[in-house]
N, C-alpha and C. Protein backbone atom coordinates (compact mmCIF):
# COMPACT_ATOMS: atom_id res chain seq x y z
N MET A 1 -28.62 105.51 -8.09
CA MET A 1 -28.60 104.50 -6.82
C MET A 1 -28.52 103.31 -7.72
N THR A 2 -27.53 102.14 -6.75
CA THR A 2 -27.39 101.21 -7.36
C THR A 2 -28.29 100.17 -6.64
N GLU A 3 -29.34 99.38 -7.26
CA GLU A 3 -30.10 98.58 -6.98
C GLU A 3 -29.65 97.82 -6.26
N PRO A 4 -30.10 97.25 -5.27
CA PRO A 4 -29.29 95.85 -4.46
C PRO A 4 -29.07 94.55 -4.90
N THR A 5 -28.35 93.96 -4.96
CA THR A 5 -28.66 92.56 -5.72
C THR A 5 -29.43 91.74 -5.19
N PRO A 6 -30.27 91.44 -5.44
CA PRO A 6 -31.14 90.25 -4.95
C PRO A 6 -30.59 88.97 -4.21
N LEU A 7 -30.67 88.78 -3.18
CA LEU A 7 -30.32 87.28 -2.51
C LEU A 7 -30.74 86.47 -3.23
N PRO A 8 -29.78 84.68 -3.56
CA PRO A 8 -30.25 83.56 -4.62
C PRO A 8 -30.77 83.52 -3.42
N GLY A 9 -31.91 82.32 -3.57
CA GLY A 9 -32.98 81.81 -2.75
C GLY A 9 -32.56 80.15 -2.10
N PRO A 10 -33.16 79.37 -1.49
CA PRO A 10 -32.54 78.43 -0.82
C PRO A 10 -32.24 77.41 -1.71
N ARG A 11 -30.82 76.45 -1.83
CA ARG A 11 -30.83 75.96 -2.76
C ARG A 11 -31.79 74.53 -2.85
N PRO A 12 -32.02 73.87 -3.75
CA PRO A 12 -32.76 72.74 -3.61
C PRO A 12 -31.98 71.69 -2.84
N PRO A 13 -32.68 70.70 -2.30
CA PRO A 13 -32.27 69.55 -1.63
C PRO A 13 -31.15 68.44 -2.44
N PHE A 14 -31.74 68.46 -3.66
CA PHE A 14 -30.85 68.09 -4.79
C PHE A 14 -31.23 68.90 -6.21
N ASP A 15 -29.84 68.39 -7.08
CA ASP A 15 -29.80 68.70 -8.01
C ASP A 15 -30.51 67.87 -9.31
N ALA A 16 -31.03 67.11 -9.46
CA ALA A 16 -31.73 66.56 -10.20
C ALA A 16 -32.27 65.36 -9.86
N VAL A 17 -33.36 64.83 -10.57
CA VAL A 17 -33.95 63.17 -9.87
C VAL A 17 -33.75 62.14 -11.29
N LEU A 18 -33.33 61.57 -10.73
CA LEU A 18 -33.12 60.19 -11.80
C LEU A 18 -34.07 58.83 -11.53
N CYS A 19 -34.76 58.58 -12.30
CA CYS A 19 -36.02 57.81 -12.18
C CYS A 19 -36.05 56.77 -12.87
N ASP A 20 -36.56 55.49 -12.34
CA ASP A 20 -36.76 54.10 -12.88
C ASP A 20 -38.33 54.45 -14.07
N VAL A 21 -38.36 53.63 -14.88
CA VAL A 21 -39.57 53.52 -15.76
C VAL A 21 -40.65 52.37 -15.18
N ASP A 22 -40.07 51.17 -15.55
CA ASP A 22 -40.84 49.82 -15.21
C ASP A 22 -41.41 49.68 -13.57
N ASN A 23 -42.50 49.77 -13.33
CA ASN A 23 -43.24 49.67 -11.83
C ASN A 23 -42.93 50.73 -10.89
N VAL A 24 -42.28 51.66 -11.38
CA VAL A 24 -42.91 52.77 -11.46
C VAL A 24 -43.58 54.22 -11.84
N ILE A 25 -43.24 54.16 -13.09
CA ILE A 25 -43.93 55.08 -14.13
C ILE A 25 -45.43 54.46 -14.80
N ARG A 26 -44.60 53.23 -15.40
CA ARG A 26 -44.99 52.31 -16.74
C ARG A 26 -45.82 50.90 -15.33
N ARG A 27 -46.74 50.79 -15.50
CA ARG A 27 -47.63 49.38 -14.71
C ARG A 27 -47.88 48.52 -16.03
N PHE A 28 -47.46 47.22 -15.46
CA PHE A 28 -47.94 46.08 -16.56
C PHE A 28 -49.35 45.79 -15.42
N ASP A 29 -50.16 44.83 -16.91
CA ASP A 29 -51.26 44.09 -16.77
C ASP A 29 -50.88 42.65 -17.16
N PRO A 30 -50.60 42.16 -15.93
CA PRO A 30 -50.35 40.64 -16.52
C PRO A 30 -51.27 39.44 -16.21
N THR A 31 -52.98 39.83 -16.33
CA THR A 31 -53.77 39.15 -16.04
C THR A 31 -53.82 38.02 -17.45
N GLY A 32 -53.62 38.70 -18.74
CA GLY A 32 -53.90 37.39 -19.70
C GLY A 32 -52.44 36.52 -19.48
N LEU A 33 -51.72 36.87 -19.03
CA LEU A 33 -50.30 35.84 -19.40
C LEU A 33 -51.33 34.64 -17.84
N GLU A 34 -51.13 35.21 -16.83
CA GLU A 34 -51.04 34.59 -15.72
C GLU A 34 -52.68 33.84 -16.65
N ALA A 35 -53.51 33.90 -16.93
CA ALA A 35 -54.43 33.25 -17.32
C ALA A 35 -54.09 32.27 -18.33
N LEU A 36 -53.70 32.36 -19.48
CA LEU A 36 -52.90 31.14 -19.79
C LEU A 36 -51.98 30.55 -19.10
N GLU A 37 -51.16 30.95 -18.21
CA GLU A 37 -50.26 30.00 -17.51
C GLU A 37 -51.11 28.89 -16.64
N ARG A 38 -52.18 29.56 -16.41
CA ARG A 38 -53.41 28.19 -15.08
C ARG A 38 -53.73 27.65 -16.42
N ALA A 39 -54.25 27.78 -17.47
CA ALA A 39 -54.53 26.78 -18.18
C ALA A 39 -53.51 26.29 -18.92
N ALA A 40 -51.95 26.36 -19.13
CA ALA A 40 -51.05 25.57 -19.19
C ALA A 40 -50.68 24.38 -18.01
N GLY A 41 -51.30 24.66 -17.04
CA GLY A 41 -50.81 23.92 -15.82
C GLY A 41 -49.86 24.34 -14.84
N LEU A 42 -49.67 25.97 -15.21
CA LEU A 42 -48.07 26.32 -14.48
C LEU A 42 -48.52 27.40 -13.41
N ALA A 43 -47.53 27.23 -12.41
CA ALA A 43 -47.95 28.43 -11.25
C ALA A 43 -47.62 29.76 -11.67
N GLU A 44 -48.86 30.50 -11.55
CA GLU A 44 -48.57 32.20 -12.06
C GLU A 44 -47.25 32.67 -11.74
N GLY A 45 -46.75 33.45 -12.62
CA GLY A 45 -45.34 33.91 -12.12
C GLY A 45 -44.00 32.87 -12.96
N THR A 46 -44.48 31.83 -13.43
CA THR A 46 -43.36 30.86 -14.22
C THR A 46 -42.99 31.61 -14.73
N THR A 47 -43.28 32.04 -16.18
CA THR A 47 -42.97 33.14 -17.75
C THR A 47 -42.26 34.06 -17.07
N MET A 48 -42.40 34.55 -15.78
CA MET A 48 -42.06 35.63 -15.77
C MET A 48 -40.18 35.66 -15.09
N LYS A 49 -40.58 34.05 -14.04
CA LYS A 49 -39.47 33.94 -13.84
C LYS A 49 -37.66 33.58 -14.38
N VAL A 50 -38.54 32.68 -15.52
CA VAL A 50 -37.86 32.12 -16.92
C VAL A 50 -37.37 33.85 -17.23
N ALA A 51 -38.37 34.48 -17.59
CA ALA A 51 -37.78 35.59 -18.65
C ALA A 51 -37.07 36.31 -18.27
N PHE A 52 -37.02 36.60 -16.91
CA PHE A 52 -35.94 37.66 -15.83
C PHE A 52 -35.02 36.79 -15.70
N ALA A 53 -34.85 35.51 -15.71
CA ALA A 53 -33.44 35.53 -15.48
C ALA A 53 -32.36 36.16 -15.89
N PRO A 54 -31.43 36.58 -14.86
CA PRO A 54 -29.95 37.50 -16.01
C PRO A 54 -29.57 36.71 -17.31
N GLU A 55 -29.21 35.33 -17.42
CA GLU A 55 -29.05 34.77 -18.49
C GLU A 55 -30.13 34.98 -19.48
N VAL A 56 -30.98 35.11 -19.57
CA VAL A 56 -32.02 35.44 -20.31
C VAL A 56 -32.36 36.87 -21.01
N ASP A 57 -32.40 37.56 -19.85
CA ASP A 57 -32.85 39.05 -20.32
C ASP A 57 -32.08 39.79 -20.36
N LEU A 58 -30.67 39.62 -19.66
CA LEU A 58 -29.62 40.54 -20.18
C LEU A 58 -28.77 40.88 -20.90
N PRO A 59 -29.45 39.83 -22.42
CA PRO A 59 -28.43 40.18 -23.58
C PRO A 59 -29.68 41.09 -24.30
N VAL A 60 -31.13 41.02 -23.55
CA VAL A 60 -32.15 42.15 -24.53
C VAL A 60 -32.26 43.15 -23.89
N LEU A 61 -31.54 43.08 -22.73
CA LEU A 61 -31.67 44.84 -21.94
C LEU A 61 -30.26 45.49 -22.33
N LEU A 62 -29.24 44.46 -22.89
CA LEU A 62 -28.03 45.18 -22.94
C LEU A 62 -28.05 45.26 -24.46
N GLY A 63 -29.04 45.38 -25.14
CA GLY A 63 -29.25 45.36 -26.73
C GLY A 63 -28.45 44.60 -27.53
N LEU A 64 -28.21 43.66 -26.84
CA LEU A 64 -27.74 42.57 -27.70
C LEU A 64 -28.60 41.52 -28.70
N ALA A 65 -29.93 41.58 -27.99
CA ALA A 65 -30.77 40.97 -28.89
C ALA A 65 -32.09 41.58 -28.96
N THR A 66 -32.84 40.90 -29.73
CA THR A 66 -34.22 42.05 -30.32
C THR A 66 -35.35 41.02 -29.16
N GLU A 67 -36.54 42.16 -29.32
CA GLU A 67 -37.56 41.18 -28.51
C GLU A 67 -38.03 40.14 -28.60
N GLN A 68 -38.09 39.75 -30.28
CA GLN A 68 -37.99 38.37 -30.44
C GLN A 68 -37.27 37.53 -30.12
N GLU A 69 -35.98 37.38 -30.02
CA GLU A 69 -34.73 36.76 -29.71
C GLU A 69 -35.00 36.39 -28.07
N TRP A 70 -35.45 37.54 -27.65
CA TRP A 70 -36.10 37.26 -25.82
C TRP A 70 -37.26 36.50 -25.83
N VAL A 71 -37.82 36.59 -26.39
CA VAL A 71 -39.09 35.72 -26.37
C VAL A 71 -38.81 34.13 -27.00
N GLU A 72 -37.52 34.04 -27.98
CA GLU A 72 -37.46 32.70 -27.78
C GLU A 72 -36.31 31.97 -26.90
N SER A 73 -35.76 32.60 -26.66
CA SER A 73 -35.29 32.45 -24.91
C SER A 73 -36.05 31.87 -23.92
N ILE A 74 -37.10 32.57 -23.93
CA ILE A 74 -38.36 32.43 -22.69
C ILE A 74 -38.64 31.34 -23.09
N ALA A 75 -38.87 30.80 -24.09
CA ALA A 75 -39.47 29.46 -25.20
C ALA A 75 -38.94 28.89 -24.60
N GLU A 76 -37.35 28.76 -24.64
CA GLU A 76 -36.47 27.74 -24.44
C GLU A 76 -36.43 27.30 -23.19
N GLY A 77 -36.52 28.32 -22.48
CA GLY A 77 -36.42 28.04 -20.84
C GLY A 77 -37.66 27.47 -20.02
N LEU A 78 -38.92 27.53 -20.85
CA LEU A 78 -40.15 26.84 -20.43
C LEU A 78 -40.09 25.37 -21.33
N THR A 79 -38.71 25.16 -21.84
CA THR A 79 -39.33 23.50 -22.35
C THR A 79 -39.19 22.43 -21.48
N GLY A 80 -40.19 21.69 -21.80
CA GLY A 80 -39.90 20.65 -20.75
C GLY A 80 -41.19 21.03 -19.61
N LEU A 81 -41.52 22.07 -19.40
CA LEU A 81 -42.49 22.25 -18.86
C LEU A 81 -44.15 22.05 -19.89
N VAL A 82 -43.85 22.68 -20.44
CA VAL A 82 -45.21 23.02 -21.37
C VAL A 82 -44.78 22.75 -23.10
N PRO A 83 -45.71 22.24 -23.95
CA PRO A 83 -45.35 21.69 -25.39
C PRO A 83 -44.42 23.83 -25.63
N GLU A 84 -44.02 23.11 -26.91
CA GLU A 84 -43.53 24.22 -27.63
C GLU A 84 -43.94 25.61 -28.06
N ALA A 85 -44.85 25.35 -28.50
CA ALA A 85 -46.08 26.02 -28.79
C ALA A 85 -46.90 27.12 -27.70
N THR A 86 -46.91 26.03 -26.74
CA THR A 86 -47.74 27.12 -25.63
C THR A 86 -46.61 27.86 -25.35
N ALA A 87 -45.21 27.13 -24.74
CA ALA A 87 -44.05 27.87 -24.42
C ALA A 87 -43.80 29.39 -25.61
N TRP A 88 -44.06 29.37 -26.96
CA TRP A 88 -43.73 30.49 -27.64
C TRP A 88 -44.67 31.34 -27.06
N GLU A 89 -46.42 30.93 -26.86
CA GLU A 89 -47.36 32.18 -26.98
C GLU A 89 -47.26 32.70 -24.92
N LEU A 90 -46.31 31.58 -24.32
CA LEU A 90 -46.68 32.33 -22.98
C LEU A 90 -45.30 33.74 -23.47
N GLY A 91 -44.31 33.47 -23.85
CA GLY A 91 -43.35 34.61 -23.91
C GLY A 91 -43.67 35.42 -24.90
N THR A 92 -44.49 35.32 -26.05
CA THR A 92 -45.58 36.41 -26.46
C THR A 92 -46.23 37.10 -25.54
N ALA A 93 -46.77 36.50 -24.99
CA ALA A 93 -47.88 36.96 -23.85
C ALA A 93 -47.14 38.10 -23.18
N LEU A 94 -46.05 37.56 -22.46
CA LEU A 94 -45.30 38.67 -21.46
C LEU A 94 -44.92 39.75 -22.43
N LEU A 95 -44.23 39.36 -23.58
CA LEU A 95 -43.74 40.77 -24.29
C LEU A 95 -44.99 41.48 -24.72
N GLU A 96 -46.06 41.27 -25.07
CA GLU A 96 -47.11 41.87 -25.26
C GLU A 96 -47.86 41.88 -24.46
N SER A 97 -47.59 42.26 -22.71
CA SER A 97 -48.68 42.48 -21.79
C SER A 97 -48.69 44.15 -22.00
N PRO A 98 -50.29 44.48 -21.89
CA PRO A 98 -50.67 45.70 -22.05
C PRO A 98 -49.55 46.14 -20.51
N PHE A 99 -49.83 48.01 -20.90
CA PHE A 99 -49.29 48.76 -20.02
C PHE A 99 -50.01 49.57 -19.86
N HIS A 100 -49.58 50.52 -19.11
CA HIS A 100 -49.91 52.30 -18.66
C HIS A 100 -49.48 52.84 -17.94
N ALA A 101 -49.36 53.89 -17.97
CA ALA A 101 -48.73 55.06 -16.95
C ALA A 101 -49.14 55.11 -15.63
N ASP A 102 -48.62 55.31 -14.83
CA ASP A 102 -49.39 55.78 -13.30
C ASP A 102 -49.44 57.65 -13.30
N GLU A 103 -50.61 57.40 -13.67
CA GLU A 103 -50.92 59.38 -13.97
C GLU A 103 -50.34 59.94 -12.49
N THR A 104 -50.43 59.19 -11.12
CA THR A 104 -49.77 59.93 -10.13
C THR A 104 -48.35 60.21 -9.92
N VAL A 105 -47.75 59.51 -10.22
CA VAL A 105 -46.68 59.42 -11.01
C VAL A 105 -45.86 60.21 -11.59
N VAL A 106 -46.51 60.22 -12.90
CA VAL A 106 -45.87 61.12 -13.86
C VAL A 106 -46.54 62.52 -13.43
N ALA A 107 -47.45 62.89 -12.89
CA ALA A 107 -47.66 64.37 -12.23
C ALA A 107 -46.75 64.84 -11.64
N LEU A 108 -46.24 64.20 -10.36
CA LEU A 108 -45.36 64.26 -9.50
C LEU A 108 -43.88 64.53 -9.85
N LEU A 109 -43.30 63.80 -11.03
CA LEU A 109 -41.98 64.10 -11.88
C LEU A 109 -42.16 65.17 -12.81
N ARG A 110 -43.66 65.30 -13.39
CA ARG A 110 -43.30 67.02 -14.19
C ARG A 110 -43.54 67.70 -13.34
N ARG A 111 -43.88 67.91 -12.29
CA ARG A 111 -43.90 68.85 -10.91
C ARG A 111 -42.36 68.87 -10.96
N ALA A 112 -41.50 67.76 -10.54
CA ALA A 112 -40.17 68.22 -10.07
C ALA A 112 -39.52 68.68 -10.85
N ARG A 113 -40.07 68.38 -12.46
CA ARG A 113 -39.02 68.83 -13.44
C ARG A 113 -39.14 70.12 -13.53
N THR A 114 -40.10 70.99 -13.13
CA THR A 114 -39.97 72.47 -12.79
C THR A 114 -38.69 73.16 -11.97
N ARG A 115 -38.40 72.41 -11.49
CA ARG A 115 -37.31 72.62 -10.04
C ARG A 115 -35.84 72.19 -10.72
N VAL A 116 -35.90 70.81 -11.00
CA VAL A 116 -34.34 70.24 -11.28
C VAL A 116 -34.49 69.21 -12.82
N PRO A 117 -33.61 69.14 -13.17
CA PRO A 117 -33.85 68.22 -13.90
C PRO A 117 -34.04 66.89 -14.19
N LEU A 118 -35.09 65.84 -15.05
CA LEU A 118 -35.31 64.80 -14.48
C LEU A 118 -34.70 63.97 -15.64
N VAL A 119 -33.94 62.84 -15.56
CA VAL A 119 -33.12 61.56 -16.23
C VAL A 119 -34.15 60.34 -15.97
N LEU A 120 -34.88 59.82 -17.04
CA LEU A 120 -34.87 58.38 -16.80
C LEU A 120 -33.89 57.35 -17.34
N VAL A 121 -33.70 56.13 -16.04
CA VAL A 121 -32.55 55.84 -15.88
C VAL A 121 -32.98 54.14 -16.00
N THR A 122 -32.95 53.55 -17.12
CA THR A 122 -34.02 52.52 -16.50
C THR A 122 -32.80 50.96 -17.53
N ASN A 123 -33.52 49.74 -17.15
CA ASN A 123 -33.36 49.05 -18.18
C ASN A 123 -34.20 48.32 -18.66
N ALA A 124 -34.05 48.67 -20.07
CA ALA A 124 -35.38 48.35 -21.06
C ALA A 124 -34.81 47.60 -22.41
N THR A 125 -35.49 47.57 -23.45
CA THR A 125 -35.48 46.62 -24.61
C THR A 125 -35.49 48.14 -25.69
N LEU A 126 -34.86 47.24 -26.46
CA LEU A 126 -34.79 48.67 -27.61
C LEU A 126 -35.99 49.12 -28.14
N GLY A 127 -37.51 49.06 -27.55
CA GLY A 127 -38.75 49.31 -27.83
C GLY A 127 -38.91 49.83 -26.97
N LEU A 128 -38.31 50.55 -26.22
CA LEU A 128 -38.43 51.63 -25.42
C LEU A 128 -39.27 53.13 -25.63
N GLU A 129 -38.25 53.44 -26.33
CA GLU A 129 -38.81 54.81 -27.33
C GLU A 129 -40.41 54.60 -27.58
N ALA A 130 -40.72 53.76 -28.46
CA ALA A 130 -41.99 53.75 -28.49
C ALA A 130 -42.54 53.16 -28.12
N ASP A 131 -42.48 52.79 -26.68
CA ASP A 131 -43.73 52.74 -25.52
C ASP A 131 -43.68 53.82 -24.71
N LEU A 132 -42.56 54.60 -24.83
CA LEU A 132 -42.98 55.74 -24.38
C LEU A 132 -43.88 57.19 -25.43
N ASP A 133 -43.81 56.38 -26.47
CA ASP A 133 -44.43 57.43 -27.18
C ASP A 133 -45.65 56.74 -26.69
N SER A 134 -46.17 55.96 -27.05
CA SER A 134 -47.75 55.21 -27.04
C SER A 134 -48.03 55.74 -25.65
N LEU A 135 -47.27 56.18 -24.67
CA LEU A 135 -47.82 56.53 -23.18
C LEU A 135 -48.33 58.11 -23.46
N GLY A 136 -47.49 58.56 -24.44
CA GLY A 136 -47.51 59.99 -24.32
C GLY A 136 -46.54 60.92 -23.31
N LEU A 137 -45.61 59.72 -23.61
CA LEU A 137 -44.22 60.57 -22.42
C LEU A 137 -43.20 60.88 -22.77
N THR A 138 -43.12 61.02 -23.94
CA THR A 138 -42.00 61.22 -24.82
C THR A 138 -41.35 62.17 -24.16
N ASP A 139 -42.57 64.04 -23.91
CA ASP A 139 -41.54 65.16 -23.17
C ASP A 139 -41.42 65.12 -21.68
N LEU A 140 -41.70 63.83 -21.03
CA LEU A 140 -41.31 63.58 -19.43
C LEU A 140 -40.36 64.22 -19.33
N ALA A 141 -38.97 63.51 -19.66
CA ALA A 141 -38.10 63.90 -18.73
C ALA A 141 -36.80 64.54 -19.76
N ASP A 142 -36.20 65.41 -19.26
CA ASP A 142 -34.59 65.74 -19.86
C ASP A 142 -34.11 64.89 -20.94
N HIS A 143 -33.98 63.56 -20.12
CA HIS A 143 -33.11 62.64 -20.67
C HIS A 143 -33.62 61.52 -20.83
N VAL A 144 -33.22 60.54 -21.58
CA VAL A 144 -33.53 59.05 -21.02
C VAL A 144 -32.45 58.25 -21.11
N VAL A 145 -31.61 57.10 -20.47
CA VAL A 145 -30.82 56.69 -20.35
C VAL A 145 -31.09 55.27 -20.74
N SER A 146 -31.52 54.68 -21.64
CA SER A 146 -32.27 52.89 -21.71
C SER A 146 -30.74 52.03 -21.46
N SER A 147 -30.54 51.02 -20.87
CA SER A 147 -29.56 50.59 -21.03
C SER A 147 -29.27 49.55 -22.65
N ALA A 148 -30.52 49.31 -23.08
CA ALA A 148 -30.12 49.09 -24.65
C ALA A 148 -30.04 49.70 -25.52
N ARG A 149 -29.70 50.87 -25.28
CA ARG A 149 -29.06 52.07 -25.65
C ARG A 149 -27.53 52.28 -25.36
N VAL A 150 -27.18 52.31 -24.62
CA VAL A 150 -25.75 52.61 -23.79
C VAL A 150 -25.23 51.42 -23.36
N GLY A 151 -25.85 50.13 -23.47
CA GLY A 151 -24.82 48.83 -23.18
C GLY A 151 -24.27 48.34 -21.77
N LEU A 152 -25.29 49.38 -20.78
CA LEU A 152 -25.15 49.22 -19.39
C LEU A 152 -26.51 49.11 -18.71
N ALA A 153 -26.01 47.88 -17.68
CA ALA A 153 -27.54 48.05 -17.08
C ALA A 153 -27.68 47.88 -15.23
N LYS A 154 -28.46 48.68 -15.01
CA LYS A 154 -28.24 48.61 -13.19
C LYS A 154 -28.64 47.26 -12.67
N PRO A 155 -27.45 46.92 -11.81
CA PRO A 155 -27.33 48.00 -10.97
C PRO A 155 -25.53 48.05 -10.96
N ASP A 156 -24.91 48.35 -12.48
CA ASP A 156 -23.75 48.89 -12.91
C ASP A 156 -23.74 50.22 -12.30
N PRO A 157 -22.90 50.56 -11.74
CA PRO A 157 -22.80 52.14 -11.21
C PRO A 157 -22.01 52.92 -12.41
N ARG A 158 -21.93 52.60 -13.40
CA ARG A 158 -21.34 53.48 -14.70
C ARG A 158 -23.39 53.73 -15.53
N ILE A 159 -23.88 53.38 -14.99
CA ILE A 159 -25.00 53.62 -15.57
C ILE A 159 -25.63 54.55 -14.96
N LEU A 160 -25.81 54.85 -13.52
CA LEU A 160 -26.11 55.78 -12.71
C LEU A 160 -25.21 56.53 -13.00
N GLU A 161 -24.02 56.63 -13.36
CA GLU A 161 -22.84 57.81 -13.13
C GLU A 161 -23.24 58.96 -14.48
N LEU A 162 -23.76 58.07 -15.39
CA LEU A 162 -23.87 58.61 -16.95
C LEU A 162 -24.91 58.99 -16.85
N ALA A 163 -26.50 58.49 -15.77
CA ALA A 163 -27.60 59.52 -16.39
C ALA A 163 -27.30 60.83 -15.11
N ALA A 164 -26.43 60.49 -14.36
CA ALA A 164 -26.06 61.79 -13.19
C ALA A 164 -25.49 62.78 -14.29
N ALA A 165 -24.81 62.74 -15.04
CA ALA A 165 -23.66 63.40 -16.17
C ALA A 165 -24.62 64.08 -17.08
N ARG A 166 -25.34 63.19 -17.31
CA ARG A 166 -26.52 63.89 -18.83
C ARG A 166 -27.54 64.54 -18.10
N ALA A 167 -27.56 64.91 -16.32
CA ALA A 167 -28.60 65.74 -16.20
C ALA A 167 -27.60 67.00 -15.27
N GLY A 168 -26.24 66.68 -15.49
CA GLY A 168 -25.29 67.95 -15.22
C GLY A 168 -25.18 68.29 -13.80
N ALA A 169 -24.95 66.99 -12.82
CA ALA A 169 -25.20 66.87 -11.36
C ALA A 169 -24.57 66.13 -10.89
N ARG A 170 -23.32 65.83 -9.63
CA ARG A 170 -22.57 65.40 -9.32
C ARG A 170 -23.62 64.08 -8.45
N PRO A 171 -23.21 63.03 -8.41
CA PRO A 171 -24.23 61.96 -7.91
C PRO A 171 -24.44 62.29 -6.78
N GLU A 172 -23.69 62.76 -5.80
CA GLU A 172 -24.31 63.08 -4.69
C GLU A 172 -25.59 64.11 -4.18
N ARG A 173 -25.77 64.34 -5.55
CA ARG A 173 -26.45 65.75 -5.42
C ARG A 173 -28.04 65.20 -6.31
N CYS A 174 -27.87 64.18 -6.48
CA CYS A 174 -29.21 63.40 -7.30
C CYS A 174 -29.93 62.75 -6.25
N LEU A 175 -31.52 62.78 -6.88
CA LEU A 175 -32.52 62.10 -6.07
C LEU A 175 -32.50 60.47 -6.71
N PHE A 176 -32.28 59.44 -6.43
CA PHE A 176 -32.69 58.28 -7.52
C PHE A 176 -33.38 57.79 -6.83
N VAL A 177 -34.55 57.08 -7.69
CA VAL A 177 -35.80 56.21 -7.55
C VAL A 177 -35.67 54.87 -8.71
N ASP A 178 -36.47 53.83 -7.53
CA ASP A 178 -36.44 52.95 -8.35
C ASP A 178 -36.64 51.59 -7.25
N ASP A 179 -37.62 50.74 -8.16
CA ASP A 179 -38.29 49.31 -7.32
C ASP A 179 -37.40 48.73 -6.57
N THR A 180 -36.28 48.35 -7.49
CA THR A 180 -35.64 47.67 -6.96
C THR A 180 -34.52 47.77 -5.67
N GLU A 181 -34.76 46.75 -4.91
CA GLU A 181 -33.61 47.11 -3.69
C GLU A 181 -31.69 47.41 -3.99
N GLU A 182 -31.85 46.56 -4.98
CA GLU A 182 -30.14 46.33 -5.34
C GLU A 182 -30.03 47.53 -6.13
N ASN A 183 -30.71 48.26 -6.86
CA ASN A 183 -30.25 49.05 -7.47
C ASN A 183 -30.23 50.37 -6.83
N VAL A 184 -30.80 50.65 -5.82
CA VAL A 184 -30.67 51.75 -5.08
C VAL A 184 -29.95 51.27 -4.01
N MET A 185 -29.09 50.26 -3.59
CA MET A 185 -27.82 50.26 -3.00
C MET A 185 -26.98 50.93 -4.02
N ALA A 186 -27.23 50.40 -5.05
CA ALA A 186 -26.12 50.25 -5.89
C ALA A 186 -25.91 52.34 -6.21
N ALA A 187 -27.03 52.89 -6.14
CA ALA A 187 -26.81 54.69 -5.96
C ALA A 187 -26.40 55.21 -5.01
N ALA A 188 -26.95 54.05 -3.55
CA ALA A 188 -26.63 54.79 -2.02
C ALA A 188 -25.17 54.83 -2.19
N ALA A 189 -24.24 53.67 -3.10
CA ALA A 189 -23.13 53.60 -2.64
C ALA A 189 -21.96 54.99 -3.60
N LEU A 190 -22.70 55.50 -4.48
CA LEU A 190 -22.26 56.76 -5.56
C LEU A 190 -22.47 57.55 -4.34
N GLY A 191 -23.12 57.77 -3.48
CA GLY A 191 -23.83 58.80 -2.79
C GLY A 191 -24.75 59.55 -2.56
N MET A 192 -25.68 58.94 -4.13
CA MET A 192 -27.31 59.53 -4.29
C MET A 192 -27.99 59.46 -2.98
N HIS A 193 -28.81 59.77 -3.34
CA HIS A 193 -29.47 59.85 -2.36
C HIS A 193 -30.81 58.80 -2.93
N GLY A 194 -31.19 57.17 -2.33
CA GLY A 194 -32.10 56.10 -3.23
C GLY A 194 -33.42 56.23 -2.13
N VAL A 195 -34.38 56.12 -3.11
CA VAL A 195 -35.69 55.70 -2.75
C VAL A 195 -36.29 54.81 -3.70
N HIS A 196 -36.47 53.74 -2.29
CA HIS A 196 -36.75 52.26 -2.84
C HIS A 196 -38.36 52.41 -2.91
N PHE A 197 -38.39 52.74 -4.39
CA PHE A 197 -40.17 52.94 -4.28
C PHE A 197 -41.37 51.51 -4.60
N ARG A 198 -42.54 51.86 -4.01
CA ARG A 198 -43.06 50.81 -3.72
C ARG A 198 -44.64 51.29 -4.33
N ARG A 199 -44.88 52.31 -3.49
CA ARG A 199 -46.51 52.92 -4.21
C ARG A 199 -45.89 54.54 -4.56
N ALA A 200 -46.83 55.34 -5.13
CA ALA A 200 -46.53 56.96 -5.19
C ALA A 200 -46.18 57.44 -3.67
N PRO A 201 -46.96 57.32 -2.82
CA PRO A 201 -46.35 58.20 -1.84
C PRO A 201 -45.07 58.31 -1.42
N ASP A 202 -44.43 57.19 -1.93
CA ASP A 202 -43.16 56.69 -1.44
C ASP A 202 -42.06 57.78 -2.45
N LEU A 203 -42.79 58.54 -3.35
CA LEU A 203 -42.02 59.13 -4.21
C LEU A 203 -42.38 60.66 -4.06
N GLU A 204 -43.94 60.77 -3.38
CA GLU A 204 -44.23 62.16 -3.15
C GLU A 204 -43.21 62.84 -1.86
N ARG A 205 -43.66 61.64 -0.86
CA ARG A 205 -42.20 61.99 0.48
C ARG A 205 -41.01 62.66 -0.17
N ALA A 206 -40.89 61.67 -1.04
CA ALA A 206 -38.86 62.11 -1.30
C ALA A 206 -39.11 63.66 -2.02
N LEU A 207 -39.93 63.93 -2.85
CA LEU A 207 -39.53 65.23 -3.17
C LEU A 207 -40.07 66.37 -2.39
N GLU A 208 -41.11 66.01 -1.66
CA GLU A 208 -41.64 67.01 -1.07
C GLU A 208 -40.62 68.16 -0.19
N PRO A 209 -39.00 68.08 -0.10
CA PRO A 209 -38.28 68.96 0.48
C PRO A 209 -37.76 69.92 -1.07
N LEU A 210 -38.14 69.17 -2.23
CA LEU A 210 -37.77 70.44 -3.39
C LEU A 210 -38.96 71.37 -3.74
N PHE A 211 -40.37 71.02 -2.78
CA PHE A 211 -40.95 72.05 -2.96
C PHE A 211 -41.27 73.19 -1.89
N ALA A 212 -40.42 72.56 -0.87
CA ALA A 212 -40.83 73.56 0.37
C ALA A 212 -40.54 74.94 0.53
């Protein structure tokens, strides 16, 4: 007697998870940098404002500049606000800010990966791989799409399409998680289900249907 063919289980709500790294998985501690800014008479956040201006950070995010060249650009951007030596100290402090992994987020993503592929898609420097290794996260995802390695940076839709392709999923079947609203909007324009990440519960709620 022929055994009946088992019925397929319910299809998951999405076929892949595409997730940002910084301010989602990785958290930075700005305490040391902020102390230096106060000592220099600067408002807290001034260094980051200079460092993350597009004309300063885009070259390093596209792999066209080294991290030390980024520090040099930050120091140049702080010229006139603080002495040159202090500007270099501030830029270096930003680059070397300590960081840690959000273990709740990591656990959620590891669980999600048991159901669907996970791809990290992030605007990062050429140092990303070493940083992930230091965090013990080299095995977290199926693929890592780093802006510095592919020469594309979010919100460019091409890097999001590349991440979906690496996952083997159509864009409209991807869950995209990012802390920057502009990037989430770019993903939504491709048909992805975007999640604007603020806290771990945002990710937990988005992943709930995957385990239903």
